Protein backbone atom coordinates (compact mmCIF):
# COMPACT_ATOMS: atom_id res chain seq x y z
CA MET A 1 99.91 70.03 106.68
CA GLY A 2 100.49 66.33 107.30
CA TYR A 3 103.80 67.06 109.20
CA VAL A 4 102.08 69.67 111.50
CA VAL A 5 99.57 67.12 112.42
CA LEU A 6 102.16 64.33 112.91
CA ALA A 7 104.16 66.65 115.13
CA PHE A 8 101.40 67.68 117.17
CA PHE A 9 99.64 64.53 117.60
CA GLY A 10 102.74 62.31 117.76
CA MET A 11 104.27 64.25 120.49
CA LEU A 12 101.12 64.47 122.51
CA PRO A 13 101.48 60.77 124.07
CA LEU A 14 105.16 61.60 125.12
CA GLY A 15 104.26 64.96 126.89
CA SER A 16 101.45 63.54 128.53
CA LEU A 17 104.03 60.95 129.75
CA LEU A 18 106.36 63.48 130.79
CA ILE A 19 103.84 65.61 132.77
CA SER A 20 102.26 62.75 134.38
CA THR A 21 105.63 61.54 135.74
CA LEU A 22 106.37 65.13 136.69
CA SER A 23 102.99 65.44 138.58
CA GLN A 24 103.86 62.27 140.43
CA LYS A 25 107.09 63.65 141.57
CA ILE A 26 106.15 67.14 142.62
CA GLY A 27 102.54 67.33 142.57
CA ALA A 28 99.83 68.32 140.43
CA PRO A 29 99.58 72.02 141.61
CA LEU A 30 103.18 72.53 140.96
CA THR A 31 103.44 70.94 137.72
CA MET A 32 100.34 73.24 136.47
CA LEU A 33 102.51 76.27 137.85
CA CYS A 34 105.48 74.95 135.88
CA GLN A 35 103.27 74.32 132.70
CA GLY A 36 101.96 78.01 132.97
CA GLY A 37 105.50 79.50 133.42
CA ALA A 38 106.64 77.47 130.26
CA ALA A 39 103.65 78.84 128.17
CA LEU A 40 104.26 82.33 129.34
CA LEU A 41 108.23 81.87 128.37
CA ILE A 42 107.22 80.52 125.14
CA ALA A 43 104.65 83.53 124.54
CA GLY A 44 107.52 85.87 125.49
CA ILE A 45 109.95 84.23 123.00
CA PHE A 46 107.38 84.35 120.10
CA TYR A 47 106.32 87.89 120.88
CA GLN A 48 110.16 88.82 120.61
CA LEU A 49 110.26 86.95 117.38
CA PHE A 50 107.32 88.55 115.74
CA SER A 51 108.54 92.14 116.93
CA LYS A 52 111.92 91.67 115.41
CA THR A 53 110.25 90.45 111.91
CA GLY A 54 107.61 93.07 111.79
CA TYR A 55 104.61 90.68 112.57
CA GLY A 56 103.49 92.51 115.76
CA ILE A 57 100.02 92.51 117.06
CA SER A 58 98.89 95.70 114.84
CA ARG A 59 99.89 93.87 111.80
CA GLY A 60 98.34 90.37 112.58
CA LEU A 61 99.85 87.12 112.00
CA THR A 62 99.51 87.51 108.25
CA GLY A 63 101.66 90.56 108.29
CA PHE A 64 98.94 92.83 106.59
CA SER A 65 97.01 95.44 108.09
CA GLY A 66 93.38 96.08 107.32
CA SER A 67 94.19 99.12 105.01
CA HIS A 68 96.78 97.01 103.02
CA VAL A 69 93.99 94.57 102.28
CA LYS A 70 91.42 97.08 101.31
CA ASP A 71 94.05 98.68 99.03
CA GLN A 72 94.93 95.34 97.15
CA ALA A 73 90.90 94.80 96.96
CA ARG A 74 90.67 98.13 95.11
CA LYS A 75 93.50 97.79 93.00
CA SER A 76 92.08 94.14 91.81
CA ASN A 77 88.74 95.79 91.18
CA ASP A 78 90.29 98.44 89.18
CA GLN A 79 92.14 96.06 87.03
CA ASP A 80 88.84 93.95 86.55
CA ASN A 81 87.11 96.98 85.35
CA GLY A 82 89.89 97.93 82.84
CA GLU A 83 91.07 100.91 84.72
CA HIS A 84 94.90 101.46 85.43
């Protein structure tokens, strides 16, 4: 978790510097348009990645559907009650 926080907050000043330089060169509205395009591109890449690995929207980010979680809970309760 520490590495994630370091990567996120450590790169934040560099990203801000890059975006501010870009906005001074091409203007703020065009910079925002470029950021929106980059966000859509990244979202498309992650959608393709999750589709190939089986972590689609229907399965959620954890990879478990609701019925799978309910089945696991029922099995756990059955084992706790001594049933197999």
